[in-house]
Amino acid sequence: MVTILLIILILMLIGAFPAWPYSRSWGYYPSGGVGLILLIVIILLL
């Protein structure tokens, strides 16, 4: 389960990277959401 969670988080981080011109105007919303999920997972692991 931990391995699957790590794989999903890595894929979400790659997907939140603003690499396309239309997604540059989104700001920090995608990566902020991924960061929040990562923080929750770290707290649950601790």
All heavy atoms as atom14 arrays in JSON, in Angstrom:
{
  "sequence": "MVTILLIILILMLIGAFPAWPYSRSWGYYPSGGVGLILLIVIILLL",
  "atom14_mask": [
    [1, 1, 1, 1, 1, 1, 1, 1, 0, 0, 0, 0, 0, 0],
    [1, 1, 1, 1, 1, 1, 1, 0, 0, 0, 0, 0, 0, 0],
    [1, 1, 1, 1, 1, 1, 1, 0, 0, 0, 0, 0, 0, 0],
    [1, 1, 1, 1, 1, 1, 1, 1, 0, 0, 0, 0, 0, 0],
    [1, 1, 1, 1, 1, 1, 1, 1, 0, 0, 0, 0, 0, 0],
    [1, 1, 1, 1, 1, 1, 1, 1, 0, 0, 0, 0, 0, 0],
    [1, 1, 1, 1, 1, 1, 1, 1, 0, 0, 0, 0, 0, 0],
    [1, 1, 1, 1, 1, 1, 1, 1, 0, 0, 0, 0, 0, 0],
    [1, 1, 1, 1, 1, 1, 1, 1, 0, 0, 0, 0, 0, 0],
    [1, 1, 1, 1, 1, 1, 1, 1, 0, 0, 0, 0, 0, 0],
    [1, 1, 1, 1, 1, 1, 1, 1, 0, 0, 0, 0, 0, 0],
    [1, 1, 1, 1, 1, 1, 1, 1, 0, 0, 0, 0, 0, 0],
    [1, 1, 1, 1, 1, 1, 1, 1, 0, 0, 0, 0, 0, 0],
    [1, 1, 1, 1, 1, 1, 1, 1, 0, 0, 0, 0, 0, 0],
    [1, 1, 1, 1, 0, 0, 0, 0, 0, 0, 0, 0, 0, 0],
    [1, 1, 1, 1, 1, 0, 0, 0, 0, 0, 0, 0, 0, 0],
    [1, 1, 1, 1, 1, 1, 1, 1, 1, 1, 1, 0, 0, 0],
    [1, 1, 1, 1, 1, 1, 1, 0, 0, 0, 0, 0, 0, 0],
    [1, 1, 1, 1, 1, 0, 0, 0, 0, 0, 0, 0, 0, 0],
    [1, 1, 1, 1, 1, 1, 1, 1, 1, 1, 1, 1, 1, 1],
    [1, 1, 1, 1, 1, 1, 1, 0, 0, 0, 0, 0, 0, 0],
    [1, 1, 1, 1, 1, 1, 1, 1, 1, 1, 1, 1, 0, 0],
    [1, 1, 1, 1, 1, 1, 0, 0, 0, 0, 0, 0, 0, 0],
    [1, 1, 1, 1, 1, 1, 1, 1, 1, 1, 1, 0, 0, 0],
    [1, 1, 1, 1, 1, 1, 0, 0, 0, 0, 0, 0, 0, 0],
    [1, 1, 1, 1, 1, 1, 1, 1, 1, 1, 1, 1, 1, 1],
    [1, 1, 1, 1, 0, 0, 0, 0, 0, 0, 0, 0, 0, 0],
    [1, 1, 1, 1, 1, 1, 1, 1, 1, 1, 1, 1, 0, 0],
    [1, 1, 1, 1, 1, 1, 1, 1, 1, 1, 1, 1, 0, 0],
    [1, 1, 1, 1, 1, 1, 1, 0, 0, 0, 0, 0, 0, 0],
    [1, 1, 1, 1, 1, 1, 0, 0, 0, 0, 0, 0, 0, 0],
    [1, 1, 1, 1, 0, 0, 0, 0, 0, 0, 0, 0, 0, 0],
    [1, 1, 1, 1, 0, 0, 0, 0, 0, 0, 0, 0, 0, 0],
    [1, 1, 1, 1, 1, 1, 1, 0, 0, 0, 0, 0, 0, 0],
    [1, 1, 1, 1, 0, 0, 0, 0, 0, 0, 0, 0, 0, 0],
    [1, 1, 1, 1, 1, 1, 1, 1, 0, 0, 0, 0, 0, 0],
    [1, 1, 1, 1, 1, 1, 1, 1, 0, 0, 0, 0, 0, 0],
    [1, 1, 1, 1, 1, 1, 1, 1, 0, 0, 0, 0, 0, 0],
    [1, 1, 1, 1, 1, 1, 1, 1, 0, 0, 0, 0, 0, 0],
    [1, 1, 1, 1, 1, 1, 1, 1, 0, 0, 0, 0, 0, 0],
    [1, 1, 1, 1, 1, 1, 1, 0, 0, 0, 0, 0, 0, 0],
    [1, 1, 1, 1, 1, 1, 1, 1, 0, 0, 0, 0, 0, 0],
    [1, 1, 1, 1, 1, 1, 1, 1, 0, 0, 0, 0, 0, 0],
    [1, 1, 1, 1, 1, 1, 1, 1, 0, 0, 0, 0, 0, 0],
    [1, 1, 1, 1, 1, 1, 1, 1, 0, 0, 0, 0, 0, 0],
    [1, 1, 1, 1, 1, 1, 1, 1, 0, 0, 0, 0, 0, 0]
  ],
  "atom14_positions": [
    [[0.83, -1.2, 0.0], [0.0, 0.0, 0.0], [0.87, 1.26, 0.0], [0.57, 2.22, -0.71], [-0.93, 0.02, 1.21], [-1.86, 1.2, 1.17], [-3.08, 1.4, 2.48], [-2.88, 0.08, 3.58], [0.0, 0.0, 0.0], [0.0, 0.0, 0.0], [0.0, 0.0, 0.0], [0.0, 0.0, 0.0], [0.0, 0.0, 0.0], [0.0, 0.0, 0.0]],
    [[1.94, 1.25, 0.76], [2.85, 2.4, 0.79], [3.5, 2.59, -0.57], [3.63, 3.72, -1.05], [3.9, 2.22, 1.91], [4.95, 3.3, 1.84], [3.23, 2.19, 3.26], [0.0, 0.0, 0.0], [0.0, 0.0, 0.0], [0.0, 0.0, 0.0], [0.0, 0.0, 0.0], [0.0, 0.0, 0.0], [0.0, 0.0, 0.0], [0.0, 0.0, 0.0]],
    [[3.89, 1.51, -1.21], [4.49, 1.59, -2.54], [3.51, 2.16, -3.56], [3.87, 3.02, -4.37], [4.97, 0.2, -2.99], [5.84, -0.33, -2.0], [5.69, 0.28, -4.32], [0.0, 0.0, 0.0], [0.0, 0.0, 0.0], [0.0, 0.0, 0.0], [0.0, 0.0, 0.0], [0.0, 0.0, 0.0], [0.0, 0.0, 0.0], [0.0, 0.0, 0.0]],
    [[2.28, 1.7, -3.51], [1.26, 2.21, -4.42], [1.01, 3.69, -4.17], [0.89, 4.48, -5.11], [-0.04, 1.39, -4.29], [0.19, -0.02, -4.82], [-1.19, 2.05, -5.04], [-0.95, -0.97, -4.56], [0.0, 0.0, 0.0], [0.0, 0.0, 0.0], [0.0, 0.0, 0.0], [0.0, 0.0, 0.0], [0.0, 0.0, 0.0], [0.0, 0.0, 0.0]],
    [[0.95, 4.1, -2.91], [0.76, 5.52, -2.59], [1.91, 6.36, -3.1], [1.7, 7.46, -3.63], [0.61, 5.71, -1.08], [-0.74, 5.38, -0.49], [-0.68, 5.46, 1.03], [-1.8, 6.32, -1.02], [0.0, 0.0, 0.0], [0.0, 0.0, 0.0], [0.0, 0.0, 0.0], [0.0, 0.0, 0.0], [0.0, 0.0, 0.0], [0.0, 0.0, 0.0]],
    [[3.13, 5.88, -2.96], [4.28, 6.63, -3.46], [4.25, 6.76, -4.98], [4.54, 7.83, -5.52], [5.58, 5.95, -3.02], [5.97, 6.15, -1.57], [7.19, 5.32, -1.24], [6.22, 7.61, -1.29], [0.0, 0.0, 0.0], [0.0, 0.0, 0.0], [0.0, 0.0, 0.0], [0.0, 0.0, 0.0], [0.0, 0.0, 0.0], [0.0, 0.0, 0.0]],
    [[3.88, 5.71, -5.67], [3.79, 5.77, -7.13], [2.72, 6.76, -7.56], [2.93, 7.57, -8.47], [3.52, 4.37, -7.71], [4.75, 3.48, -7.52], [3.13, 4.45, -9.19], [4.52, 2.03, -7.85], [0.0, 0.0, 0.0], [0.0, 0.0, 0.0], [0.0, 0.0, 0.0], [0.0, 0.0, 0.0], [0.0, 0.0, 0.0], [0.0, 0.0, 0.0]],
    [[1.58, 6.74, -6.9], [0.5, 7.67, -7.23], [0.92, 9.11, -6.96], [0.67, 10.0, -7.78], [-0.78, 7.31, -6.44], [-1.36, 6.01, -6.97], [-1.82, 8.42, -6.53], [-2.5, 5.46, -6.16], [0.0, 0.0, 0.0], [0.0, 0.0, 0.0], [0.0, 0.0, 0.0], [0.0, 0.0, 0.0], [0.0, 0.0, 0.0], [0.0, 0.0, 0.0]],
    [[1.6, 9.36, -5.84], [2.06, 10.71, -5.53], [3.09, 11.21, -6.54], [3.06, 12.37, -6.95], [2.63, 10.77, -4.12], [1.59, 10.77, -3.02], [2.27, 10.63, -1.66], [0.77, 12.03, -3.06], [0.0, 0.0, 0.0], [0.0, 0.0, 0.0], [0.0, 0.0, 0.0], [0.0, 0.0, 0.0], [0.0, 0.0, 0.0], [0.0, 0.0, 0.0]],
    [[3.99, 10.34, -6.96], [4.98, 10.74, -7.96], [4.31, 11.08, -9.28], [4.64, 12.09, -9.92], [6.04, 9.63, -8.14], [6.92, 9.55, -6.89], [6.9, 9.87, -9.38], [7.82, 8.35, -6.85], [0.0, 0.0, 0.0], [0.0, 0.0, 0.0], [0.0, 0.0, 0.0], [0.0, 0.0, 0.0], [0.0, 0.0, 0.0], [0.0, 0.0, 0.0]],
    [[3.34, 10.28, -9.69], [2.6, 10.58, -10.92], [1.81, 11.88, -10.81], [1.73, 12.65, -11.77], [1.66, 9.42, -11.27], [2.35, 8.14, -11.75], [1.32, 7.03, -11.92], [3.1, 8.38, -13.04], [0.0, 0.0, 0.0], [0.0, 0.0, 0.0], [0.0, 0.0, 0.0], [0.0, 0.0, 0.0], [0.0, 0.0, 0.0], [0.0, 0.0, 0.0]],
    [[1.25, 12.15, -9.63], [0.52, 13.41, -9.44], [1.46, 14.6, -9.48], [1.11, 15.66, -10.03], [-0.25, 13.37, -8.12], [-1.43, 12.44, -8.13], [-2.22, 12.25, -6.52], [-2.92, 13.86, -6.3], [0.0, 0.0, 0.0], [0.0, 0.0, 0.0], [0.0, 0.0, 0.0], [0.0, 0.0, 0.0], [0.0, 0.0, 0.0], [0.0, 0.0, 0.0]],
    [[2.66, 14.47, -8.93], [3.63, 15.55, -8.99], [4.06, 15.83, -10.42], [4.21, 16.99, -10.83], [4.85, 15.22, -8.12], [4.65, 15.37, -6.63], [5.86, 14.8, -5.88], [4.43, 16.82, -6.26], [0.0, 0.0, 0.0], [0.0, 0.0, 0.0], [0.0, 0.0, 0.0], [0.0, 0.0, 0.0], [0.0, 0.0, 0.0], [0.0, 0.0, 0.0]],
    [[4.26, 14.78, -11.2], [4.62, 14.98, -12.61], [3.46, 15.63, -13.37], [3.67, 16.52, -14.18], [5.02, 13.63, -13.26], [6.33, 13.13, -12.64], [5.14, 13.76, -14.77], [6.69, 11.72, -13.03], [0.0, 0.0, 0.0], [0.0, 0.0, 0.0], [0.0, 0.0, 0.0], [0.0, 0.0, 0.0], [0.0, 0.0, 0.0], [0.0, 0.0, 0.0]],
    [[2.25, 15.22, -13.07], [1.09, 15.78, -13.74], [0.81, 17.22, -13.36], [0.21, 17.97, -14.13], [0.0, 0.0, 0.0], [0.0, 0.0, 0.0], [0.0, 0.0, 0.0], [0.0, 0.0, 0.0], [0.0, 0.0, 0.0], [0.0, 0.0, 0.0], [0.0, 0.0, 0.0], [0.0, 0.0, 0.0], [0.0, 0.0, 0.0], [0.0, 0.0, 0.0]],
    [[1.24, 17.64, -12.18], [0.99, 19.01, -11.73], [2.02, 19.99, -12.26], [1.86, 21.2, -12.13], [0.98, 19.06, -10.21], [0.0, 0.0, 0.0], [0.0, 0.0, 0.0], [0.0, 0.0, 0.0], [0.0, 0.0, 0.0], [0.0, 0.0, 0.0], [0.0, 0.0, 0.0], [0.0, 0.0, 0.0], [0.0, 0.0, 0.0], [0.0, 0.0, 0.0]],
    [[3.08, 19.5, -12.88], [4.12, 20.37, -13.43], [3.57, 21.16, -14.61], [3.04, 20.57, -15.55], [5.32, 19.53, -13.86], [6.5, 20.35, -14.26], [7.24, 21.03, -13.29], [6.87, 20.47, -15.58], [8.33, 21.8, -13.66], [7.95, 21.24, -15.95], [8.68, 21.91, -14.99], [0.0, 0.0, 0.0], [0.0, 0.0, 0.0], [0.0, 0.0, 0.0]],
    [[3.67, 22.5, -14.58], [3.08, 23.32, -15.65], [3.93, 23.31, -16.92], [4.64, 24.25, -17.23], [3.0, 24.71, -15.04], [4.12, 24.73, -14.05], [4.23, 23.33, -13.52], [0.0, 0.0, 0.0], [0.0, 0.0, 0.0], [0.0, 0.0, 0.0], [0.0, 0.0, 0.0], [0.0, 0.0, 0.0], [0.0, 0.0, 0.0], [0.0, 0.0, 0.0]],
    [[3.87, 22.24, -17.68], [4.71, 22.11, -18.87], [4.01, 22.59, -20.14], [4.67, 22.8, -21.15], [5.12, 20.65, -19.04], [0.0, 0.0, 0.0], [0.0, 0.0, 0.0], [0.0, 0.0, 0.0], [0.0, 0.0, 0.0], [0.0, 0.0, 0.0], [0.0, 0.0, 0.0], [0.0, 0.0, 0.0], [0.0, 0.0, 0.0], [0.0, 0.0, 0.0]],
    [[2.7, 22.75, -20.11], [1.97, 23.14, -21.31], [1.56, 24.59, -21.18], [1.25, 25.08, -20.1], [0.75, 22.25, -21.47], [1.16, 20.83, -21.65], [1.5, 20.21, -22.81], [1.29, 19.84, -20.62], [1.84, 18.91, -22.57], [1.73, 18.66, -21.24], [1.11, 19.84, -19.24], [1.97, 17.49, -20.54], [1.36, 18.69, -18.53], [1.78, 17.52, -19.17]],
    [[1.51, 25.32, -22.29], [1.22, 26.76, -22.24], [-0.12, 27.09, -21.57], [-0.22, 28.07, -20.84], [1.2, 27.17, -23.71], [1.99, 26.14, -24.42], [1.82, 24.87, -23.64], [0.0, 0.0, 0.0], [0.0, 0.0, 0.0], [0.0, 0.0, 0.0], [0.0, 0.0, 0.0], [0.0, 0.0, 0.0], [0.0, 0.0, 0.0], [0.0, 0.0, 0.0]],
    [[-1.15, 26.29, -21.79], [-2.45, 26.61, -21.23], [-2.49, 26.39, -19.72], [-3.33, 26.96, -19.03], [-3.57, 25.81, -21.9], [-3.46, 24.32, -21.72], [-3.98, 23.69, -20.6], [-2.83, 23.54, -22.67], [-3.88, 22.33, -20.43], [-2.72, 22.17, -22.52], [-3.25, 21.57, -21.39], [-3.14, 20.23, -21.22], [0.0, 0.0, 0.0], [0.0, 0.0, 0.0]],
    [[-1.6, 25.59, -19.17], [-1.63, 25.31, -17.73], [-0.75, 26.25, -16.93], [-0.75, 26.21, -15.71], [-1.21, 23.86, -17.46], [0.13, 23.66, -17.84], [0.0, 0.0, 0.0], [0.0, 0.0, 0.0], [0.0, 0.0, 0.0], [0.0, 0.0, 0.0], [0.0, 0.0, 0.0], [0.0, 0.0, 0.0], [0.0, 0.0, 0.0], [0.0, 0.0, 0.0]],
    [[-0.01, 27.11, -17.6], [0.86, 28.04, -16.86], [0.06, 29.07, -16.08], [0.52, 29.57, -15.06], [1.82, 28.74, -17.83], [2.83, 27.79, -18.41], [3.9, 28.55, -19.18], [4.73, 27.65, -19.94], [5.77, 27.0, -19.45], [6.08, 27.16, -18.19], [6.48, 26.21, -20.21], [0.0, 0.0, 0.0], [0.0, 0.0, 0.0], [0.0, 0.0, 0.0]],
    [[-1.13, 29.37, -16.5], [-1.94, 30.38, -15.81], [-2.67, 29.8, -14.6], [-3.34, 30.53, -13.88], [-2.96, 30.97, -16.78], [-3.87, 29.98, -17.2], [0.0, 0.0, 0.0], [0.0, 0.0, 0.0], [0.0, 0.0, 0.0], [0.0, 0.0, 0.0], [0.0, 0.0, 0.0], [0.0, 0.0, 0.0], [0.0, 0.0, 0.0], [0.0, 0.0, 0.0]],
    [[-2.54, 28.5, -14.36], [-3.23, 27.89, -13.23], [-2.59, 28.26, -11.91], [-3.22, 28.12, -10.86], [-3.24, 26.37, -13.36], [-4.06, 25.86, -14.5], [-4.92, 26.57, -15.27], [-4.07, 24.52, -15.0], [-5.48, 25.76, -16.22], [-4.98, 24.5, -16.07], [-3.42, 23.36, -14.65], [-5.24, 23.35, -16.79], [-3.67, 22.21, -15.37], [-4.58, 22.22, -16.42]],
    [[-1.35, 28.7, -11.92], [-0.67, 29.08, -10.69], [-0.27, 27.87, -9.86], [0.15, 26.85, -10.38], [0.0, 0.0, 0.0], [0.0, 0.0, 0.0], [0.0, 0.0, 0.0], [0.0, 0.0, 0.0], [0.0, 0.0, 0.0], [0.0, 0.0, 0.0], [0.0, 0.0, 0.0], [0.0, 0.0, 0.0], [0.0, 0.0, 0.0], [0.0, 0.0, 0.0]],
    [[-0.42, 28.01, -8.54], [0.03, 26.97, -7.62], [-1.06, 25.97, -7.26], [-0.85, 25.12, -6.41], [0.57, 27.6, -6.34], [1.85, 28.36, -6.56], [1.87, 29.74, -6.52], [3.04, 27.68, -6.8], [3.05, 30.43, -6.72], [4.22, 28.35, -6.99], [4.22, 29.74, -6.94], [5.38, 30.41, -7.14], [0.0, 0.0, 0.0], [0.0, 0.0, 0.0]],
    [[-2.23, 26.09, -7.85], [-3.34, 25.22, -7.45], [-3.07, 23.73, -7.63], [-3.27, 22.97, -6.69], [-4.63, 25.62, -8.19], [-5.11, 27.0, -7.81], [-5.15, 28.02, -8.73], [-5.5, 27.27, -6.5], [-5.58, 29.29, -8.38], [-5.93, 28.53, -6.14], [-5.96, 29.53, -7.08], [-6.38, 30.77, -6.73], [0.0, 0.0, 0.0], [0.0, 0.0, 0.0]],
    [[-2.59, 23.25, -8.78], [-2.36, 21.81, -8.91], [-1.27, 21.3, -7.97], [-1.44, 20.31, -7.27], [-1.95, 21.63, -10.37], [-2.47, 22.83, -11.07], [-2.42, 23.93, -10.07], [0.0, 0.0, 0.0], [0.0, 0.0, 0.0], [0.0, 0.0, 0.0], [0.0, 0.0, 0.0], [0.0, 0.0, 0.0], [0.0, 0.0, 0.0], [0.0, 0.0, 0.0]],
    [[-0.14, 22.0, -7.92], [0.96, 21.53, -7.07], [0.63, 21.75, -5.59], [1.11, 20.99, -4.74], [2.27, 22.22, -7.44], [2.15, 23.62, -7.3], [0.0, 0.0, 0.0], [0.0, 0.0, 0.0], [0.0, 0.0, 0.0], [0.0, 0.0, 0.0], [0.0, 0.0, 0.0], [0.0, 0.0, 0.0], [0.0, 0.0, 0.0], [0.0, 0.0, 0.0]],
    [[-0.18, 22.74, -5.28], [-0.6, 22.94, -3.89], [-1.5, 21.82, -3.41], [-1.39, 21.36, -2.28], [0.0, 0.0, 0.0], [0.0, 0.0, 0.0], [0.0, 0.0, 0.0], [0.0, 0.0, 0.0], [0.0, 0.0, 0.0], [0.0, 0.0, 0.0], [0.0, 0.0, 0.0], [0.0, 0.0, 0.0], [0.0, 0.0, 0.0], [0.0, 0.0, 0.0]],
    [[-2.36, 21.34, -4.29], [-3.22, 20.21, -3.94], [-2.42, 18.94, -3.74], [-2.66, 18.17, -2.81], [0.0, 0.0, 0.0], [0.0, 0.0, 0.0], [0.0, 0.0, 0.0], [0.0, 0.0, 0.0], [0.0, 0.0, 0.0], [0.0, 0.0, 0.0], [0.0, 0.0, 0.0], [0.0, 0.0, 0.0], [0.0, 0.0, 0.0], [0.0, 0.0, 0.0]],
    [[-1.43, 18.73, -4.6], [-0.57, 17.56, -4.46], [0.25, 17.67, -3.17], [0.43, 16.68, -2.46], [0.35, 17.39, -5.69], [1.37, 16.3, -5.47], [-0.48, 17.11, -6.92], [0.0, 0.0, 0.0], [0.0, 0.0, 0.0], [0.0, 0.0, 0.0], [0.0, 0.0, 0.0], [0.0, 0.0, 0.0], [0.0, 0.0, 0.0], [0.0, 0.0, 0.0]],
    [[0.71, 18.87, -2.86], [1.46, 19.07, -1.62], [0.62, 18.8, -0.39], [1.1, 18.23, 0.6], [0.0, 0.0, 0.0], [0.0, 0.0, 0.0], [0.0, 0.0, 0.0], [0.0, 0.0, 0.0], [0.0, 0.0, 0.0], [0.0, 0.0, 0.0], [0.0, 0.0, 0.0], [0.0, 0.0, 0.0], [0.0, 0.0, 0.0], [0.0, 0.0, 0.0]],
    [[-0.64, 19.18, -0.44], [-1.55, 18.9, 0.67], [-1.77, 17.41, 0.85], [-1.72, 16.89, 1.97], [-2.89, 19.61, 0.44], [-3.96, 19.4, 1.51], [-3.49, 19.99, 2.83], [-5.26, 20.01, 1.07], [0.0, 0.0, 0.0], [0.0, 0.0, 0.0], [0.0, 0.0, 0.0], [0.0, 0.0, 0.0], [0.0, 0.0, 0.0], [0.0, 0.0, 0.0]],
    [[-1.96, 16.71, -0.25], [-2.12, 15.25, -0.17], [-0.85, 14.6, 0.36], [-0.91, 13.7, 1.21], [-2.5, 14.68, -1.56], [-3.89, 15.16, -1.95], [-2.44, 13.16, -1.57], [-4.27, 14.85, -3.37], [0.0, 0.0, 0.0], [0.0, 0.0, 0.0], [0.0, 0.0, 0.0], [0.0, 0.0, 0.0], [0.0, 0.0, 0.0], [0.0, 0.0, 0.0]],
    [[0.3, 15.07, -0.09], [1.58, 14.54, 0.39], [1.74, 14.79, 1.88], [2.18, 13.9, 2.62], [2.73, 15.17, -0.39], [4.12, 14.69, -0.06], [4.25, 13.2, -0.36], [5.15, 15.48, -0.84], [0.0, 0.0, 0.0], [0.0, 0.0, 0.0], [0.0, 0.0, 0.0], [0.0, 0.0, 0.0], [0.0, 0.0, 0.0], [0.0, 0.0, 0.0]],
    [[1.36, 15.95, 2.36], [1.44, 16.27, 3.78], [0.54, 15.35, 4.6], [0.94, 14.84, 5.65], [1.06, 17.73, 4.01], [1.12, 18.23, 5.44], [2.56, 18.21, 5.94], [0.55, 19.61, 5.53], [0.0, 0.0, 0.0], [0.0, 0.0, 0.0], [0.0, 0.0, 0.0], [0.0, 0.0, 0.0], [0.0, 0.0, 0.0], [0.0, 0.0, 0.0]],
    [[-0.67, 15.1, 4.11], [-1.59, 14.21, 4.82], [-1.03, 12.8, 4.88], [-1.08, 12.14, 5.92], [-2.98, 14.24, 4.14], [-3.64, 15.6, 4.36], [-3.87, 13.12, 4.67], [-4.89, 15.81, 3.55], [0.0, 0.0, 0.0], [0.0, 0.0, 0.0], [0.0, 0.0, 0.0], [0.0, 0.0, 0.0], [0.0, 0.0, 0.0], [0.0, 0.0, 0.0]],
    [[-0.46, 12.33, 3.77], [0.12, 10.98, 3.75], [1.3, 10.88, 4.71], [1.45, 9.89, 5.43], [0.52, 10.58, 2.31], [1.37, 9.32, 2.29], [-0.71, 10.4, 1.46], [0.0, 0.0, 0.0], [0.0, 0.0, 0.0], [0.0, 0.0, 0.0], [0.0, 0.0, 0.0], [0.0, 0.0, 0.0], [0.0, 0.0, 0.0], [0.0, 0.0, 0.0]],
    [[2.13, 11.91, 4.76], [3.28, 11.89, 5.68], [2.8, 11.86, 7.13], [3.34, 11.1, 7.95], [4.19, 13.1, 5.42], [4.92, 12.91, 4.09], [5.21, 13.27, 6.54], [5.7, 14.11, 3.65], [0.0, 0.0, 0.0], [0.0, 0.0, 0.0], [0.0, 0.0, 0.0], [0.0, 0.0, 0.0], [0.0, 0.0, 0.0], [0.0, 0.0, 0.0]],
    [[1.79, 12.64, 7.44], [1.25, 12.64, 8.81], [0.68, 11.27, 9.15], [0.9, 10.75, 10.24], [0.19, 13.75, 8.98], [0.88, 15.11, 8.95], [-0.58, 13.57, 10.28], [-0.07, 16.28, 8.92], [0.0, 0.0, 0.0], [0.0, 0.0, 0.0], [0.0, 0.0, 0.0], [0.0, 0.0, 0.0], [0.0, 0.0, 0.0], [0.0, 0.0, 0.0]],
    [[-0.05, 10.67, 8.22], [-0.61, 9.34, 8.47], [0.49, 8.29, 8.65], [0.36, 7.37, 9.47], [-1.55, 8.93, 7.35], [-2.88, 9.71, 7.28], [-3.66, 9.31, 6.04], [-3.69, 9.5, 8.53], [0.0, 0.0, 0.0], [0.0, 0.0, 0.0], [0.0, 0.0, 0.0], [0.0, 0.0, 0.0], [0.0, 0.0, 0.0], [0.0, 0.0, 0.0]],
    [[1.58, 8.43, 7.88], [2.69, 7.5, 8.04], [3.36, 7.67, 9.41], [3.73, 6.7, 10.06], [3.72, 7.7, 6.93], [3.35, 7.13, 5.56], [4.37, 7.56, 4.52], [3.26, 5.63, 5.62], [0.0, 0.0, 0.0], [0.0, 0.0, 0.0], [0.0, 0.0, 0.0], [0.0, 0.0, 0.0], [0.0, 0.0, 0.0], [0.0, 0.0, 0.0]],
    [[3.51, 8.91, 9.86], [4.13, 9.16, 11.16], [3.26, 8.66, 12.3], [3.78, 8.22, 13.32], [4.42, 10.65, 11.32], [5.55, 11.2, 10.46], [5.66, 12.7, 10.62], [6.87, 10.53, 10.8], [0.0, 0.0, 0.0], [0.0, 0.0, 0.0], [0.0, 0.0, 0.0], [0.0, 0.0, 0.0], [0.0, 0.0, 0.0], [0.0, 0.0, 0.0]]
  ]
}
